[in-house]
Amino acid sequence: MKKFLFVLFAVCFLFTACKEKPATPVVELNVEETVCLDLQRMSLNYEEDYRWFECCMVLQNFLDEENDGIITNITNIFQVVNDTLGGADVHVIFMTHDRYKDCIDVKDGFWLGDLVLNPEEIQLSFNEAFEKLMESNYPKPHSQQCVLRKELGPVEANPQYIFGNVHEHLYVDAVTGEVNNESPAYCGLNIGTPLGEWP
């Protein structure tokens, strides 16, 4: 009986100890504002000696379900090269933002698979690209992921908003707004895309 009461007490204690903390104020994430602020941070810290490669977004809901385009996480990926005696150090910088906090993570190494993004080249906002995607007749991928990138491939192509995952994805051209189900960087070559390029 004592053992039963102890277990009951322990379970009750767990339920009272695991109450959620009051939620902190939620910040609405905007892709263009976040990119602009991160580019400013990079300019302040590295002047013009950096490269912007990707903007990765996580949506609140899956694309093939009811979805209003709300974003819960944005990560911008940059590369910097620091000259040293007899060489250079290369670092990849991940600037991640969710609705509660911002994080910066620096890793040694190179970023591969993308060409450098130029903010002036991007004509469509995320919301415009999301609208084009939802208006298209393509089946929507079961995914919450989107990435803005300029894929390295045999065909020169515009930056793309890529919605989906490694199994199924749709491309929205960030300049023209055209929606496609195959990568413009490999369009018409029937060779697929490089393995392991999607996180």
Protein backbone atom coordinates (compact mmCIF):
# COMPACT_ATOMS: atom_id res chain seq x y z
CA MET A 1 0.00 0.00 0.00
CA LYS A 2 2.84 2.39 0.86
CA LYS A 3 4.45 1.59 -2.48
CA PHE A 4 1.20 2.40 -4.30
CA LEU A 5 0.84 5.75 -2.47
CA PHE A 6 4.45 6.64 -3.27
CA VAL A 7 3.91 5.91 -6.98
CA LEU A 8 0.67 7.91 -6.96
CA PHE A 9 2.44 10.83 -5.26
CA ALA A 10 5.32 10.67 -7.77
CA VAL A 11 2.90 10.72 -10.73
CA CYS A 12 0.99 13.69 -9.27
CA PHE A 13 4.26 15.51 -8.67
CA LEU A 14 5.35 14.95 -12.28
CA PHE A 15 2.09 16.37 -13.63
CA THR A 16 2.37 19.49 -11.47
CA ALA A 17 6.11 19.96 -12.17
CA CYS A 18 5.69 19.67 -15.96
CA LYS A 19 3.26 22.54 -16.41
CA GLU A 20 4.16 24.71 -19.35
CA LYS A 21 5.71 28.04 -18.56
CA PRO A 22 3.74 31.08 -19.65
CA ALA A 23 4.38 31.72 -23.32
CA THR A 24 6.68 34.60 -24.18
CA PRO A 25 5.42 37.12 -26.74
CA VAL A 26 5.43 35.63 -30.23
CA VAL A 27 7.18 37.55 -32.99
CA GLU A 28 5.70 37.25 -36.48
CA LEU A 29 8.45 36.08 -38.85
CA ASN A 30 8.84 37.86 -42.18
CA VAL A 31 11.32 36.40 -44.68
CA GLU A 32 12.31 39.66 -46.38
CA GLU A 33 12.80 41.58 -43.13
CA THR A 34 14.81 38.71 -41.62
CA VAL A 35 17.05 38.44 -44.70
CA CYS A 36 17.60 42.21 -44.70
CA LEU A 37 18.57 42.24 -41.00
CA ASP A 38 20.92 39.26 -41.41
CA LEU A 39 22.59 40.87 -44.42
CA GLN A 40 23.10 44.02 -42.34
CA ARG A 41 24.62 41.96 -39.51
CA MET A 42 26.98 40.29 -41.94
CA SER A 43 27.97 43.64 -43.48
CA LEU A 44 28.70 45.10 -40.04
CA ASN A 45 30.84 42.12 -39.00
CA TYR A 46 32.49 41.18 -42.30
CA GLU A 47 32.04 44.29 -44.49
CA GLU A 48 31.57 42.87 -48.01
CA ASP A 49 33.68 39.75 -47.49
CA TYR A 50 30.83 37.24 -47.19
CA ARG A 51 28.52 35.21 -49.43
CA TRP A 52 24.79 34.50 -48.90
CA PHE A 53 23.79 31.01 -50.10
CA GLU A 54 20.38 30.01 -48.73
CA CYS A 55 17.32 31.07 -46.82
CA CYS A 56 15.60 28.03 -45.27
CA MET A 57 12.06 28.31 -43.92
CA VAL A 58 9.87 26.00 -41.84
CA LEU A 59 6.13 26.51 -42.16
CA GLN A 60 3.66 26.01 -39.35
CA ASN A 61 1.54 23.57 -41.38
CA PHE A 62 2.11 20.98 -44.11
CA LEU A 63 1.75 22.19 -47.69
CA ASP A 64 -0.81 19.51 -48.60
CA GLU A 65 -3.07 20.49 -45.69
CA GLU A 66 -4.79 23.74 -44.77
CA ASN A 67 -1.93 26.22 -44.83
CA ASP A 68 -1.86 30.01 -44.59
CA GLY A 69 1.89 30.39 -45.13
CA ILE A 70 2.81 31.19 -41.52
CA ILE A 71 6.53 30.59 -40.89
CA THR A 72 7.89 29.30 -37.58
CA ASN A 73 11.62 29.24 -38.37
CA ILE A 74 14.04 30.97 -40.77
CA THR A 75 17.74 30.14 -41.23
CA ASN A 76 20.04 32.17 -43.46
CA ILE A 77 23.30 30.52 -44.50
CA PHE A 78 26.45 32.53 -45.22
CA GLN A 79 30.10 31.77 -45.90
CA VAL A 80 33.06 33.93 -44.92
CA VAL A 81 36.75 33.66 -45.72
CA ASN A 82 39.28 35.04 -43.25
CA ASP A 83 42.79 35.49 -44.61
CA THR A 84 45.52 34.07 -42.39
CA LEU A 85 49.28 33.83 -42.68
CA GLY A 86 49.90 31.29 -45.41
CA GLY A 87 46.24 30.65 -46.26
CA ALA A 88 42.65 31.30 -45.30
CA ASP A 89 40.05 30.07 -42.84
CA VAL A 90 36.59 29.37 -44.25
CA HIS A 91 33.49 29.41 -42.03
CA VAL A 92 29.82 28.76 -42.65
CA ILE A 93 27.49 30.92 -40.55
CA PHE A 94 23.93 29.82 -39.76
CA MET A 95 21.66 32.62 -38.54
CA THR A 96 18.50 30.98 -37.20
CA HIS A 97 15.36 32.76 -36.05
CA ASP A 98 12.22 31.32 -34.56
CA ARG A 99 9.35 33.19 -32.97
CA TYR A 100 11.06 33.26 -29.57
CA LYS A 101 14.80 33.68 -30.11
CA ASP A 102 17.70 34.20 -32.54
CA CYS A 103 20.82 31.99 -32.76
CA ILE A 104 24.11 32.24 -34.63
CA ASP A 105 26.15 29.08 -35.25
CA VAL A 106 29.58 29.15 -36.93
CA LYS A 107 31.08 25.99 -38.45
CA ASP A 108 34.47 25.44 -40.07
CA GLY A 109 34.21 24.39 -43.71
CA PHE A 110 32.78 25.20 -47.13
CA TRP A 111 29.18 25.49 -48.34
CA LEU A 112 28.66 23.46 -51.54
CA GLY A 113 25.88 22.97 -54.09
CA ASP A 114 24.67 26.57 -54.38
CA LEU A 115 25.62 29.69 -56.29
CA VAL A 116 25.73 33.00 -54.41
CA LEU A 117 22.35 34.69 -53.94
CA ASN A 118 22.03 38.32 -54.94
CA PRO A 119 19.16 40.07 -53.07
CA GLU A 120 18.54 42.45 -56.01
CA GLU A 121 17.93 39.49 -58.31
CA ILE A 122 14.99 38.18 -56.26
CA GLN A 123 11.72 39.70 -57.53
CA LEU A 124 9.13 37.58 -55.66
CA SER A 125 8.60 37.78 -51.92
CA PHE A 126 8.03 34.56 -50.00
CA ASN A 127 4.31 35.35 -49.72
CA GLU A 128 4.05 35.88 -53.49
CA ALA A 129 5.90 32.61 -54.15
CA PHE A 130 3.66 30.77 -51.67
CA GLU A 131 0.58 32.17 -53.41
CA LYS A 132 1.89 31.06 -56.84
CA LEU A 133 2.56 27.59 -55.43
CA MET A 134 -0.93 27.25 -53.95
CA GLU A 135 -2.57 28.50 -57.17
CA SER A 136 -0.72 25.91 -59.26
CA ASN A 137 -2.34 22.61 -60.30
CA TYR A 138 0.57 20.51 -59.03
CA PRO A 139 -0.12 18.20 -56.06
CA LYS A 140 1.43 19.82 -53.00
CA PRO A 141 4.26 17.96 -51.21
CA HIS A 142 3.67 16.64 -47.69
CA SER A 143 6.25 18.96 -46.20
CA GLN A 144 6.66 22.09 -44.08
CA GLN A 145 9.96 23.06 -45.73
CA CYS A 146 10.91 25.78 -48.19
CA VAL A 147 14.36 26.94 -49.24
CA LEU A 148 15.38 29.92 -51.36
CA ARG A 149 18.53 29.02 -53.24
CA LYS A 150 20.30 29.29 -56.60
CA GLU A 151 21.16 25.69 -57.34
CA LEU A 152 24.51 24.84 -58.90
CA GLY A 153 23.89 22.77 -62.02
CA PRO A 154 24.71 22.37 -65.72
CA VAL A 155 21.95 24.84 -66.72
CA GLU A 156 22.10 28.42 -65.46
CA ALA A 157 18.86 29.21 -63.67
CA ASN A 158 17.25 31.91 -61.54
CA PRO A 159 17.03 31.59 -57.76
CA GLN A 160 14.14 29.32 -56.77
CA TYR A 161 11.81 28.95 -53.83
CA ILE A 162 11.81 25.17 -53.44
CA PHE A 163 8.89 23.78 -51.45
CA GLY A 164 9.03 20.17 -50.30
CA ASN A 165 11.51 17.50 -49.29
CA VAL A 166 13.90 15.00 -50.87
CA HIS A 167 11.02 12.86 -52.17
CA GLU A 168 8.73 15.50 -53.67
CA HIS A 169 9.23 19.19 -54.29
CA LEU A 170 8.01 22.12 -56.39
CA TYR A 171 10.02 25.06 -57.67
CA VAL A 172 8.79 28.66 -57.84
CA ASP A 173 11.07 30.92 -59.87
CA ALA A 174 12.02 33.90 -57.67
CA VAL A 175 12.26 36.16 -60.74
CA THR A 176 9.44 35.07 -63.07
CA GLY A 177 7.06 33.33 -60.65
CA GLU A 178 6.86 30.23 -62.86
CA VAL A 179 5.99 27.01 -60.98
CA ASN A 180 7.67 23.76 -62.02
CA ASN A 181 8.08 20.24 -60.67
CA GLU A 182 11.68 19.82 -61.82
CA SER A 183 14.83 21.74 -61.11
CA PRO A 184 15.56 24.43 -63.73
CA ALA A 185 19.29 23.85 -63.09
CA TYR A 186 18.86 20.30 -64.48
CA CYS A 187 15.82 20.87 -66.69
CA GLY A 188 15.60 18.60 -69.75
CA LEU A 189 18.82 16.70 -69.01
CA ASN A 190 17.14 13.64 -67.44
CA ILE A 191 20.01 13.14 -65.02
CA GLY A 192 18.26 14.05 -61.76
CA THR A 193 19.88 16.17 -59.09
CA PRO A 194 22.98 15.45 -57.01
CA LEU A 195 22.47 12.99 -54.18
CA GLY A 196 22.49 14.29 -50.64
CA GLU A 197 21.83 17.92 -51.54
CA TRP A 198 18.67 18.26 -49.43
CA PRO A 199 18.91 18.45 -45.64
